[in-house]
Amino acid sequence: MTPEQALSAGIAELSIQVDGDAQQKLLDYLALLEKWNRTHNLTAIRGVDRMVAQHLLDSLAVLPHVFQRGAGHLADIGSGGGLPGIPIAIARPDWDVTLIDSSHKKSTFLRQAAIELGLGNVSVINARAEDYDGAQRFELVVSRAFSDLATFAALWRRFLARGGRLVAMKGAYPHAEIGEIPGGLRIVDVPALRVPGLDAQRHLVILEEIPV
């Protein structure tokens, strides 16, 4: 199966809407990621065939669980090579996506990717989480590999818009981490994800602030 076929089949299995132009742009993103990866080590996953499942479909599997509302602002914390933020920005161009990463090298790649892929809905911030002091508030704050749940929630809950949610992408069900969630937050859901082409456990932990 070609990467194009694997991506199309995976999107169909996830039951999400991603048109042909966006699917091509997703593959263009992988080609750019692979090119930069040869010299900048942006991801440990090598080869477009493996990246389709482990990067694209893994990121897109989030969509059915977080995009029930209208357009808004999403922050991808510790974005690295742009995951899950860039695939989400391509698949949902009506959302403004802010990619935040502390690495200058990775932030440079993210800016270049946004330019080359024509992603006008993407902005990039090169900053450590502890130092970020932006005024923007986000409906969704997503992390794929930033930190444990307690640290993620403590650092980023203050940047949630009213009614916003923190979304942490995890592997196996994170029993211990859930027990360390700070007060004032509640679990909305912890859905298991079935990522096409990926034989591994995946879960989302979706949190929101408890109204006072």
N, C-alpha and C. Protein backbone atom coordinates (compact mmCIF):
# COMPACT_ATOMS: atom_id res chain seq x y z
N MET A 1 0.84 -1.19 0.00
CA MET A 1 0.00 0.00 0.00
C MET A 1 0.88 1.25 0.00
N THR A 2 0.59 2.19 -0.87
CA THR A 2 1.37 3.42 -0.94
C THR A 2 1.01 4.33 0.23
N PRO A 3 1.86 5.33 0.55
CA PRO A 3 1.49 6.27 1.60
C PRO A 3 0.16 6.97 1.31
N GLU A 4 -0.08 7.31 0.04
CA GLU A 4 -1.34 7.94 -0.33
C GLU A 4 -2.53 7.04 0.00
N GLN A 5 -2.41 5.77 -0.35
CA GLN A 5 -3.49 4.83 -0.08
C GLN A 5 -3.68 4.61 1.42
N ALA A 6 -2.57 4.50 2.15
CA ALA A 6 -2.65 4.28 3.59
C ALA A 6 -3.30 5.46 4.29
N LEU A 7 -2.97 6.67 3.86
CA LEU A 7 -3.57 7.86 4.46
C LEU A 7 -5.05 7.93 4.16
N SER A 8 -5.44 7.72 2.91
CA SER A 8 -6.84 7.77 2.52
C SER A 8 -7.66 6.72 3.26
N ALA A 9 -7.13 5.49 3.33
CA ALA A 9 -7.83 4.41 4.02
C ALA A 9 -7.95 4.71 5.51
N GLY A 10 -6.88 5.25 6.10
CA GLY A 10 -6.91 5.57 7.52
C GLY A 10 -7.91 6.66 7.84
N ILE A 11 -7.98 7.68 7.01
CA ILE A 11 -8.95 8.75 7.21
C ILE A 11 -10.38 8.22 7.13
N ALA A 12 -10.61 7.33 6.18
CA ALA A 12 -11.93 6.72 6.05
C ALA A 12 -12.26 5.90 7.30
N GLU A 13 -11.27 5.17 7.82
CA GLU A 13 -11.51 4.35 9.01
C GLU A 13 -11.79 5.22 10.23
N LEU A 14 -11.18 6.38 10.28
CA LEU A 14 -11.43 7.29 11.40
C LEU A 14 -12.76 8.02 11.28
N SER A 15 -13.38 7.93 10.10
CA SER A 15 -14.67 8.58 9.83
C SER A 15 -14.60 10.09 10.02
N ILE A 16 -13.53 10.68 9.46
CA ILE A 16 -13.39 12.13 9.48
C ILE A 16 -13.36 12.65 8.05
N GLN A 17 -13.69 13.93 7.90
CA GLN A 17 -13.73 14.54 6.59
C GLN A 17 -12.44 15.31 6.33
N VAL A 18 -11.64 14.84 5.38
CA VAL A 18 -10.42 15.52 4.96
C VAL A 18 -10.38 15.41 3.44
N ASP A 19 -10.51 16.53 2.74
CA ASP A 19 -10.63 16.46 1.28
C ASP A 19 -9.29 16.12 0.61
N GLY A 20 -9.35 15.87 -0.68
CA GLY A 20 -8.18 15.42 -1.43
C GLY A 20 -7.03 16.41 -1.40
N ASP A 21 -7.33 17.70 -1.49
CA ASP A 21 -6.26 18.70 -1.44
C ASP A 21 -5.56 18.69 -0.09
N ALA A 22 -6.34 18.55 0.98
CA ALA A 22 -5.74 18.50 2.31
C ALA A 22 -4.92 17.24 2.50
N GLN A 23 -5.40 16.12 1.95
CA GLN A 23 -4.62 14.88 2.06
C GLN A 23 -3.28 15.02 1.36
N GLN A 24 -3.26 15.67 0.21
CA GLN A 24 -1.99 15.89 -0.48
C GLN A 24 -1.09 16.80 0.34
N LYS A 25 -1.67 17.79 0.96
CA LYS A 25 -0.87 18.71 1.78
C LYS A 25 -0.29 17.97 3.00
N LEU A 26 -1.03 17.04 3.56
CA LEU A 26 -0.51 16.22 4.65
C LEU A 26 0.71 15.42 4.21
N LEU A 27 0.65 14.86 3.01
CA LEU A 27 1.79 14.11 2.49
C LEU A 27 2.96 15.04 2.17
N ASP A 28 2.66 16.24 1.70
CA ASP A 28 3.72 17.23 1.45
C ASP A 28 4.42 17.59 2.76
N TYR A 29 3.64 17.69 3.82
CA TYR A 29 4.22 17.96 5.14
C TYR A 29 5.18 16.84 5.55
N LEU A 30 4.78 15.59 5.35
CA LEU A 30 5.66 14.47 5.70
C LEU A 30 6.95 14.51 4.88
N ALA A 31 6.84 14.84 3.61
CA ALA A 31 8.04 14.93 2.77
C ALA A 31 8.98 16.01 3.30
N LEU A 32 8.42 17.13 3.72
CA LEU A 32 9.24 18.20 4.27
C LEU A 32 9.86 17.79 5.60
N LEU A 33 9.07 17.12 6.43
CA LEU A 33 9.58 16.63 7.72
C LEU A 33 10.72 15.64 7.51
N GLU A 34 10.56 14.74 6.56
CA GLU A 34 11.60 13.75 6.29
C GLU A 34 12.86 14.43 5.77
N LYS A 35 12.70 15.44 4.92
CA LYS A 35 13.85 16.16 4.37
C LYS A 35 14.65 16.84 5.49
N TRP A 36 13.97 17.57 6.35
CA TRP A 36 14.66 18.25 7.45
C TRP A 36 15.22 17.27 8.46
N ASN A 37 14.55 16.13 8.60
CA ASN A 37 14.96 15.15 9.59
C ASN A 37 16.35 14.57 9.30
N ARG A 38 16.76 14.63 8.05
CA ARG A 38 18.07 14.08 7.69
C ARG A 38 19.22 14.81 8.37
N THR A 39 19.01 16.08 8.65
CA THR A 39 20.08 16.88 9.25
C THR A 39 19.72 17.46 10.61
N HIS A 40 18.42 17.54 10.94
CA HIS A 40 18.03 18.22 12.17
C HIS A 40 17.39 17.31 13.22
N ASN A 41 17.21 16.04 12.92
CA ASN A 41 16.71 15.07 13.89
C ASN A 41 15.45 15.56 14.61
N LEU A 42 14.42 15.84 13.83
CA LEU A 42 13.17 16.34 14.38
C LEU A 42 12.29 15.23 14.96
N THR A 43 12.43 14.03 14.46
CA THR A 43 11.63 12.90 14.92
C THR A 43 12.43 11.61 14.78
N ALA A 44 12.19 10.67 15.71
CA ALA A 44 12.88 9.39 15.65
C ALA A 44 12.28 8.46 14.61
N ILE A 45 11.08 8.78 14.13
CA ILE A 45 10.42 7.94 13.13
C ILE A 45 11.00 8.27 11.76
N ARG A 46 11.47 7.26 11.07
CA ARG A 46 12.09 7.45 9.76
C ARG A 46 11.24 6.80 8.68
N GLY A 47 11.14 7.47 7.55
CA GLY A 47 10.43 6.91 6.41
C GLY A 47 8.97 7.34 6.37
N VAL A 48 8.54 7.80 5.19
CA VAL A 48 7.17 8.29 5.04
C VAL A 48 6.15 7.20 5.33
N ASP A 49 6.43 5.96 4.94
CA ASP A 49 5.48 4.88 5.18
C ASP A 49 5.12 4.77 6.67
N ARG A 50 6.13 4.82 7.53
CA ARG A 50 5.88 4.73 8.98
C ARG A 50 5.26 6.00 9.52
N MET A 51 5.63 7.14 8.95
CA MET A 51 5.12 8.41 9.44
C MET A 51 3.62 8.58 9.20
N VAL A 52 3.09 7.95 8.17
CA VAL A 52 1.65 8.09 7.90
C VAL A 52 0.83 7.68 9.11
N ALA A 53 1.11 6.49 9.65
CA ALA A 53 0.36 6.02 10.81
C ALA A 53 0.81 6.71 12.09
N GLN A 54 2.12 6.75 12.32
CA GLN A 54 2.63 7.19 13.62
C GLN A 54 2.58 8.70 13.81
N HIS A 55 2.50 9.45 12.72
CA HIS A 55 2.41 10.90 12.84
C HIS A 55 1.07 11.44 12.36
N LEU A 56 0.71 11.18 11.10
CA LEU A 56 -0.51 11.77 10.56
C LEU A 56 -1.77 11.19 11.18
N LEU A 57 -1.95 9.89 11.08
CA LEU A 57 -3.19 9.29 11.57
C LEU A 57 -3.28 9.37 13.09
N ASP A 58 -2.14 9.28 13.77
CA ASP A 58 -2.12 9.43 15.22
C ASP A 58 -2.63 10.81 15.62
N SER A 59 -2.22 11.84 14.87
CA SER A 59 -2.68 13.20 15.14
C SER A 59 -4.15 13.38 14.77
N LEU A 60 -4.54 12.88 13.61
CA LEU A 60 -5.92 13.06 13.13
C LEU A 60 -6.93 12.29 13.97
N ALA A 61 -6.49 11.24 14.67
CA ALA A 61 -7.40 10.46 15.51
C ALA A 61 -7.98 11.28 16.66
N VAL A 62 -7.36 12.42 16.95
CA VAL A 62 -7.86 13.30 18.00
C VAL A 62 -9.15 14.00 17.57
N LEU A 63 -9.31 14.25 16.28
CA LEU A 63 -10.36 15.14 15.80
C LEU A 63 -11.78 14.79 16.23
N PRO A 64 -12.20 13.52 16.15
CA PRO A 64 -13.59 13.24 16.53
C PRO A 64 -13.91 13.55 17.99
N HIS A 65 -12.87 13.70 18.81
CA HIS A 65 -13.09 13.88 20.25
C HIS A 65 -12.98 15.33 20.70
N VAL A 66 -12.54 16.22 19.83
CA VAL A 66 -12.30 17.59 20.29
C VAL A 66 -12.90 18.66 19.40
N PHE A 67 -13.41 18.32 18.25
CA PHE A 67 -13.86 19.34 17.31
C PHE A 67 -15.37 19.31 17.10
N GLN A 68 -16.11 19.24 18.19
CA GLN A 68 -17.56 19.31 18.07
C GLN A 68 -18.07 20.75 18.01
N ARG A 69 -17.19 21.70 18.30
CA ARG A 69 -17.61 23.10 18.35
C ARG A 69 -17.19 23.82 17.08
N GLY A 70 -17.52 25.12 17.02
CA GLY A 70 -17.15 25.92 15.87
C GLY A 70 -15.68 26.29 15.87
N ALA A 71 -15.32 27.21 14.98
CA ALA A 71 -13.93 27.62 14.85
C ALA A 71 -13.44 28.28 16.12
N GLY A 72 -12.14 28.20 16.33
CA GLY A 72 -11.54 28.79 17.52
C GLY A 72 -10.03 28.73 17.45
N HIS A 73 -9.39 28.77 18.62
CA HIS A 73 -7.94 28.78 18.71
C HIS A 73 -7.45 27.53 19.45
N LEU A 74 -6.42 26.92 18.89
CA LEU A 74 -5.81 25.73 19.47
C LEU A 74 -4.33 26.00 19.67
N ALA A 75 -3.77 25.58 20.80
CA ALA A 75 -2.34 25.64 21.05
C ALA A 75 -1.80 24.22 21.12
N ASP A 76 -0.71 23.97 20.40
CA ASP A 76 0.00 22.69 20.44
C ASP A 76 1.28 22.93 21.23
N ILE A 77 1.34 22.36 22.44
CA ILE A 77 2.43 22.63 23.37
C ILE A 77 3.55 21.60 23.20
N GLY A 78 4.79 22.09 23.09
CA GLY A 78 5.91 21.18 22.82
C GLY A 78 5.74 20.55 21.46
N SER A 79 5.45 21.38 20.46
CA SER A 79 5.03 20.89 19.15
C SER A 79 6.09 20.07 18.44
N GLY A 80 7.37 20.32 18.72
CA GLY A 80 8.43 19.53 18.09
C GLY A 80 8.45 19.71 16.59
N GLY A 81 8.19 18.63 15.87
CA GLY A 81 8.13 18.69 14.42
C GLY A 81 6.77 19.10 13.88
N GLY A 82 5.87 19.54 14.78
CA GLY A 82 4.56 20.00 14.34
C GLY A 82 3.43 19.05 14.60
N LEU A 83 3.59 18.20 15.60
CA LEU A 83 2.59 17.15 15.87
C LEU A 83 2.00 17.32 17.26
N PRO A 84 0.68 17.36 17.32
CA PRO A 84 -0.31 17.13 16.26
C PRO A 84 -0.75 18.39 15.52
N GLY A 85 -0.15 19.54 15.84
CA GLY A 85 -0.68 20.81 15.38
C GLY A 85 -0.78 20.98 13.88
N ILE A 86 0.28 20.62 13.14
CA ILE A 86 0.24 20.84 11.69
C ILE A 86 -0.81 19.95 11.01
N PRO A 87 -0.87 18.64 11.28
CA PRO A 87 -1.95 17.86 10.67
C PRO A 87 -3.34 18.39 11.02
N ILE A 88 -3.54 18.85 12.25
CA ILE A 88 -4.83 19.41 12.62
C ILE A 88 -5.10 20.69 11.84
N ALA A 89 -4.08 21.55 11.71
CA ALA A 89 -4.25 22.80 10.97
C ALA A 89 -4.59 22.55 9.50
N ILE A 90 -4.01 21.52 8.92
CA ILE A 90 -4.30 21.17 7.53
C ILE A 90 -5.72 20.63 7.40
N ALA A 91 -6.09 19.75 8.32
CA ALA A 91 -7.42 19.12 8.23
C ALA A 91 -8.55 20.06 8.63
N ARG A 92 -8.25 21.05 9.49
CA ARG A 92 -9.28 21.98 9.98
C ARG A 92 -8.80 23.41 9.78
N PRO A 93 -8.81 23.90 8.54
CA PRO A 93 -8.28 25.24 8.25
C PRO A 93 -9.09 26.38 8.86
N ASP A 94 -10.27 26.09 9.41
CA ASP A 94 -11.05 27.13 10.06
C ASP A 94 -10.58 27.40 11.49
N TRP A 95 -9.67 26.57 12.00
CA TRP A 95 -9.10 26.78 13.32
C TRP A 95 -7.76 27.49 13.21
N ASP A 96 -7.53 28.44 14.10
CA ASP A 96 -6.21 29.06 14.24
C ASP A 96 -5.38 28.19 15.18
N VAL A 97 -4.21 27.79 14.71
CA VAL A 97 -3.36 26.86 15.46
C VAL A 97 -2.03 27.54 15.80
N THR A 98 -1.71 27.57 17.08
CA THR A 98 -0.45 28.13 17.55
C THR A 98 0.47 27.00 18.00
N LEU A 99 1.64 26.92 17.38
CA LEU A 99 2.63 25.89 17.71
C LEU A 99 3.67 26.49 18.65
N ILE A 100 3.84 25.91 19.82
CA ILE A 100 4.75 26.45 20.83
C ILE A 100 5.82 25.42 21.15
N ASP A 101 7.08 25.81 20.97
CA ASP A 101 8.19 24.89 21.27
C ASP A 101 9.39 25.69 21.75
N SER A 102 10.16 25.11 22.67
CA SER A 102 11.31 25.80 23.24
C SER A 102 12.55 25.71 22.37
N SER A 103 12.57 24.78 21.42
CA SER A 103 13.75 24.58 20.58
C SER A 103 13.77 25.56 19.40
N HIS A 104 14.85 26.32 19.28
CA HIS A 104 14.98 27.24 18.16
C HIS A 104 14.99 26.48 16.84
N LYS A 105 15.71 25.37 16.80
CA LYS A 105 15.81 24.56 15.59
C LYS A 105 14.44 24.07 15.14
N LYS A 106 13.66 23.55 16.06
CA LYS A 106 12.34 23.04 15.71
C LYS A 106 11.39 24.17 15.34
N SER A 107 11.49 25.28 16.03
CA SER A 107 10.64 26.42 15.70
C SER A 107 10.94 26.96 14.30
N THR A 108 12.21 26.93 13.92
CA THR A 108 12.60 27.34 12.57
C THR A 108 11.94 26.43 11.54
N PHE A 109 11.97 25.12 11.80
CA PHE A 109 11.30 24.18 10.89
C PHE A 109 9.81 24.46 10.83
N LEU A 110 9.19 24.68 11.96
CA LEU A 110 7.74 24.91 11.99
C LEU A 110 7.36 26.14 11.17
N ARG A 111 8.13 27.20 11.30
CA ARG A 111 7.84 28.41 10.52
C ARG A 111 8.00 28.14 9.03
N GLN A 112 9.07 27.42 8.66
CA GLN A 112 9.30 27.12 7.26
C GLN A 112 8.20 26.22 6.70
N ALA A 113 7.78 25.24 7.49
CA ALA A 113 6.70 24.35 7.06
C ALA A 113 5.41 25.12 6.83
N ALA A 114 5.09 26.05 7.74
CA ALA A 114 3.86 26.84 7.58
C ALA A 114 3.92 27.66 6.30
N ILE A 115 5.10 28.20 5.98
CA ILE A 115 5.26 28.99 4.75
C ILE A 115 5.12 28.10 3.52
N GLU A 116 5.89 27.00 3.48
CA GLU A 116 5.91 26.15 2.29
C GLU A 116 4.57 25.46 2.05
N LEU A 117 3.84 25.18 3.10
CA LEU A 117 2.55 24.49 2.96
C LEU A 117 1.39 25.48 2.82
N GLY A 118 1.69 26.77 2.92
CA GLY A 118 0.64 27.77 2.78
C GLY A 118 -0.38 27.75 3.90
N LEU A 119 0.09 27.54 5.13
CA LEU A 119 -0.82 27.43 6.27
C LEU A 119 -0.99 28.79 6.94
N GLY A 120 -1.92 29.56 6.42
CA GLY A 120 -2.17 30.88 6.96
C GLY A 120 -2.81 30.87 8.33
N ASN A 121 -3.30 29.72 8.76
CA ASN A 121 -3.92 29.60 10.08
C ASN A 121 -2.95 29.14 11.16
N VAL A 122 -1.66 29.08 10.84
CA VAL A 122 -0.65 28.61 11.78
C VAL A 122 0.29 29.73 12.18
N SER A 123 0.55 29.84 13.48
CA SER A 123 1.59 30.74 14.00
C SER A 123 2.51 29.93 14.89
N VAL A 124 3.75 30.40 15.03
CA VAL A 124 4.78 29.67 15.77
C VAL A 124 5.37 30.57 16.84
N ILE A 125 5.50 30.04 18.05
CA ILE A 125 6.12 30.76 19.16
C ILE A 125 7.27 29.92 19.69
N ASN A 126 8.46 30.50 19.73
CA ASN A 126 9.64 29.83 20.27
C ASN A 126 9.79 30.28 21.73
N ALA A 127 9.33 29.45 22.66
CA ALA A 127 9.37 29.82 24.07
C ALA A 127 9.27 28.58 24.94
N ARG A 128 9.87 28.65 26.13
CA ARG A 128 9.66 27.63 27.14
C ARG A 128 8.30 27.85 27.77
N ALA A 129 7.66 26.76 28.17
CA ALA A 129 6.33 26.87 28.76
C ALA A 129 6.35 27.80 29.97
N GLU A 130 7.41 27.70 30.79
CA GLU A 130 7.49 28.51 31.99
C GLU A 130 7.61 30.00 31.69
N ASP A 131 8.11 30.32 30.50
CA ASP A 131 8.36 31.72 30.15
C ASP A 131 7.27 32.32 29.27
N TYR A 132 6.37 31.49 28.77
CA TYR A 132 5.35 32.00 27.86
C TYR A 132 4.38 32.90 28.62
N ASP A 133 4.17 34.10 28.12
CA ASP A 133 3.28 35.03 28.80
C ASP A 133 2.31 35.71 27.82
N GLY A 134 1.97 34.98 26.75
CA GLY A 134 1.08 35.54 25.74
C GLY A 134 -0.31 35.85 26.27
N ALA A 135 -0.96 36.81 25.63
CA ALA A 135 -2.30 37.22 26.03
C ALA A 135 -3.38 36.33 25.41
N GLN A 136 -3.02 35.53 24.39
CA GLN A 136 -4.00 34.69 23.70
C GLN A 136 -4.60 33.66 24.64
N ARG A 137 -5.89 33.44 24.52
CA ARG A 137 -6.56 32.36 25.24
C ARG A 137 -7.04 31.34 24.21
N PHE A 138 -7.01 30.07 24.59
CA PHE A 138 -7.26 28.99 23.64
C PHE A 138 -8.45 28.14 24.07
N GLU A 139 -9.26 27.77 23.09
CA GLU A 139 -10.36 26.82 23.36
C GLU A 139 -9.82 25.42 23.61
N LEU A 140 -8.72 25.09 22.95
CA LEU A 140 -8.08 23.80 23.14
C LEU A 140 -6.58 23.98 23.32
N VAL A 141 -6.02 23.33 24.33
CA VAL A 141 -4.57 23.28 24.53
C VAL A 141 -4.19 21.80 24.49
N VAL A 142 -3.41 21.43 23.48
CA VAL A 142 -3.11 20.02 23.21
C VAL A 142 -1.63 19.74 23.43
N SER A 143 -1.34 18.58 23.99
CA SER A 143 0.04 18.14 24.16
C SER A 143 0.17 16.69 23.74
N ARG A 144 1.16 16.42 22.90
CA ARG A 144 1.41 15.04 22.49
C ARG A 144 2.51 14.38 23.32
N ALA A 145 3.54 15.12 23.66
CA ALA A 145 4.66 14.54 24.40
C ALA A 145 5.35 15.59 25.25
N PHE A 146 4.57 16.53 25.79
CA PHE A 146 5.17 17.65 26.50
C PHE A 146 5.65 17.25 27.89
N SER A 147 4.80 16.61 28.69
CA SER A 147 5.15 16.32 30.07
C SER A 147 4.08 15.42 30.68
N ASP A 148 4.19 15.20 31.99
CA ASP A 148 3.13 14.49 32.69
C ASP A 148 1.91 15.39 32.82
N LEU A 149 0.78 14.79 33.15
CA LEU A 149 -0.48 15.53 33.20
C LEU A 149 -0.46 16.67 34.21
N ALA A 150 0.13 16.43 35.38
CA ALA A 150 0.12 17.45 36.43
C ALA A 150 0.89 18.69 35.98
N THR A 151 2.05 18.50 35.38
CA THR A 151 2.86 19.63 34.91
C THR A 151 2.16 20.35 33.77
N PHE A 152 1.64 19.59 32.83
CA PHE A 152 0.91 20.17 31.69
C PHE A 152 -0.23 21.04 32.17
N ALA A 153 -1.04 20.49 33.08
CA ALA A 153 -2.21 21.22 33.56
C ALA A 153 -1.81 22.46 34.36
N ALA A 154 -0.79 22.33 35.20
CA ALA A 154 -0.39 23.46 36.05
C ALA A 154 0.13 24.63 35.22
N LEU A 155 0.87 24.32 34.15
CA LEU A 155 1.47 25.37 33.34
C LEU A 155 0.49 26.03 32.38
N TRP A 156 -0.48 25.27 31.87
CA TRP A 156 -1.27 25.77 30.74
C TRP A 156 -2.73 26.05 31.02
N ARG A 157 -3.24 25.69 32.19
CA ARG A 157 -4.66 25.93 32.45
C ARG A 157 -4.98 27.41 32.42
N ARG A 158 -4.01 28.27 32.78
CA ARG A 158 -4.27 29.71 32.83
C ARG A 158 -4.46 30.33 31.45
N PHE A 159 -4.14 29.57 30.41
CA PHE A 159 -4.29 30.10 29.05
C PHE A 159 -5.55 29.57 28.36
N LEU A 160 -6.40 28.88 29.11
CA LEU A 160 -7.65 28.40 28.54
C LEU A 160 -8.67 29.53 28.43
N ALA A 161 -9.36 29.57 27.30
CA ALA A 161 -10.52 30.44 27.18
C ALA A 161 -11.64 29.90 28.07
N ARG A 162 -12.64 30.71 28.29
CA ARG A 162 -13.77 30.26 29.09
C ARG A 162 -14.39 29.02 28.44
N GLY A 163 -14.51 27.96 29.21
CA GLY A 163 -15.05 26.72 28.68
C GLY A 163 -14.04 25.91 27.89
N GLY A 164 -12.77 26.33 27.88
CA GLY A 164 -11.75 25.62 27.11
C GLY A 164 -11.33 24.31 27.76
N ARG A 165 -10.58 23.53 27.01
CA ARG A 165 -10.18 22.20 27.48
C ARG A 165 -8.70 21.93 27.22
N LEU A 166 -8.11 21.21 28.17
CA LEU A 166 -6.77 20.67 28.02
C LEU A 166 -6.90 19.24 27.49
N VAL A 167 -6.08 18.91 26.48
CA VAL A 167 -6.15 17.59 25.85
C VAL A 167 -4.74 17.01 25.79
N ALA A 168 -4.50 15.94 26.54
CA ALA A 168 -3.19 15.29 26.56
C ALA A 168 -3.26 13.96 25.82
N MET A 169 -2.36 13.78 24.86
CA MET A 169 -2.28 12.53 24.11
C MET A 169 -1.34 11.58 24.84
N LYS A 170 -1.84 10.39 25.16
CA LYS A 170 -1.07 9.42 25.94
C LYS A 170 -1.09 8.06 25.25
N GLY A 171 -0.23 7.16 25.71
CA GLY A 171 -0.20 5.80 25.22
C GLY A 171 -1.18 4.95 26.02
N ALA A 172 -0.65 4.11 26.94
CA ALA A 172 -1.51 3.32 27.81
C ALA A 172 -2.29 4.23 28.75
N TYR A 173 -3.39 3.72 29.28
CA TYR A 173 -4.22 4.50 30.20
C TYR A 173 -3.36 4.98 31.36
N PRO A 174 -3.27 6.30 31.58
CA PRO A 174 -2.30 6.84 32.56
C PRO A 174 -2.87 6.91 33.97
N HIS A 175 -3.07 5.76 34.60
CA HIS A 175 -3.70 5.71 35.93
C HIS A 175 -2.98 6.60 36.93
N ALA A 176 -1.66 6.45 37.02
CA ALA A 176 -0.91 7.20 38.03
C ALA A 176 -0.97 8.70 37.78
N GLU A 177 -0.83 9.11 36.53
CA GLU A 177 -0.85 10.54 36.22
C GLU A 177 -2.20 11.17 36.52
N ILE A 178 -3.27 10.43 36.24
CA ILE A 178 -4.61 10.95 36.51
C ILE A 178 -4.79 11.24 37.99
N GLY A 179 -4.16 10.42 38.83
CA GLY A 179 -4.25 10.63 40.27
C GLY A 179 -3.54 11.88 40.75
N GLU A 180 -2.70 12.48 39.89
CA GLU A 180 -1.93 13.67 40.27
C GLU A 180 -2.48 14.95 39.66
N ILE A 181 -3.64 14.89 39.01
CA ILE A 181 -4.22 16.09 38.39
C ILE A 181 -4.51 17.15 39.46
N PRO A 182 -4.11 18.40 39.24
CA PRO A 182 -4.33 19.44 40.25
C PRO A 182 -5.81 19.68 40.54
N GLY A 183 -6.07 20.20 41.72
CA GLY A 183 -7.44 20.56 42.09
C GLY A 183 -7.97 21.65 41.19
N GLY A 184 -9.29 21.70 41.09
CA GLY A 184 -9.93 22.71 40.25
C GLY A 184 -10.14 22.26 38.82
N LEU A 185 -9.66 21.06 38.49
CA LEU A 185 -9.86 20.49 37.16
C LEU A 185 -10.65 19.20 37.28
N ARG A 186 -11.40 18.89 36.25
CA ARG A 186 -12.11 17.62 36.22
C ARG A 186 -11.88 16.93 34.89
N ILE A 187 -11.99 15.61 34.92
CA ILE A 187 -11.84 14.82 33.70
C ILE A 187 -13.17 14.82 32.95
N VAL A 188 -13.10 15.21 31.69
CA VAL A 188 -14.27 15.16 30.83
C VAL A 188 -14.43 13.77 30.25
N ASP A 189 -13.30 13.19 29.80
CA ASP A 189 -13.33 11.87 29.16
C ASP A 189 -11.89 11.38 29.02
N VAL A 190 -11.73 10.06 28.96
CA VAL A 190 -10.44 9.45 28.65
C VAL A 190 -10.68 8.38 27.58
N PRO A 191 -10.97 8.80 26.35
CA PRO A 191 -11.28 7.82 25.31
C PRO A 191 -10.05 7.08 24.83
N ALA A 192 -10.23 5.80 24.54
CA ALA A 192 -9.19 5.02 23.85
C ALA A 192 -9.29 5.30 22.36
N LEU A 193 -8.16 5.45 21.73
CA LEU A 193 -8.12 5.73 20.30
C LEU A 193 -7.67 4.50 19.53
N ARG A 194 -8.30 4.27 18.41
CA ARG A 194 -7.87 3.22 17.49
C ARG A 194 -7.24 3.91 16.30
N VAL A 195 -5.90 3.87 16.23
CA VAL A 195 -5.19 4.54 15.15
C VAL A 195 -4.91 3.54 14.04
N PRO A 196 -5.47 3.74 12.86
CA PRO A 196 -5.24 2.80 11.76
C PRO A 196 -3.76 2.62 11.46
N GLY A 197 -3.35 1.36 11.34
CA GLY A 197 -1.97 1.05 11.00
C GLY A 197 -1.02 1.09 12.17
N LEU A 198 -1.52 1.34 13.37
CA LEU A 198 -0.66 1.46 14.54
C LEU A 198 -1.08 0.45 15.59
N ASP A 199 -0.20 -0.51 15.88
CA ASP A 199 -0.49 -1.55 16.86
C ASP A 199 0.05 -1.12 18.22
N ALA A 200 -0.63 -0.17 18.83
CA ALA A 200 -0.19 0.36 20.12
C ALA A 200 -1.37 1.03 20.79
N GLN A 201 -1.33 1.09 22.12
CA GLN A 201 -2.39 1.74 22.86
C GLN A 201 -2.28 3.26 22.71
N ARG A 202 -3.42 3.91 22.58
CA ARG A 202 -3.48 5.37 22.54
C ARG A 202 -4.72 5.82 23.32
N HIS A 203 -4.55 6.85 24.13
CA HIS A 203 -5.65 7.44 24.89
C HIS A 203 -5.54 8.96 24.85
N LEU A 204 -6.67 9.61 24.99
CA LEU A 204 -6.70 11.04 25.24
C LEU A 204 -7.17 11.26 26.68
N VAL A 205 -6.59 12.25 27.32
CA VAL A 205 -7.11 12.70 28.61
C VAL A 205 -7.62 14.13 28.38
N ILE A 206 -8.93 14.31 28.53
CA ILE A 206 -9.55 15.60 28.26
C ILE A 206 -9.99 16.21 29.59
N LEU A 207 -9.47 17.41 29.89
CA LEU A 207 -9.72 18.07 31.16
C LEU A 207 -10.35 19.44 30.94
N GLU A 208 -11.12 19.87 31.92
CA GLU A 208 -11.63 21.23 31.93
C GLU A 208 -11.69 21.74 33.36
N GLU A 209 -11.73 23.06 33.51
CA GLU A 209 -11.80 23.63 34.84
C GLU A 209 -13.20 23.47 35.42
N ILE A 210 -13.26 23.26 36.72
CA ILE A 210 -14.54 23.14 37.39
C ILE A 210 -15.09 24.56 37.60
N PRO A 211 -16.30 24.84 37.14
CA PRO A 211 -16.86 26.18 37.31
C PRO A 211 -16.98 26.54 38.79
N VAL A 212 -16.76 27.79 39.09
CA VAL A 212 -16.87 28.26 40.47
C VAL A 212 -18.04 29.21 40.60
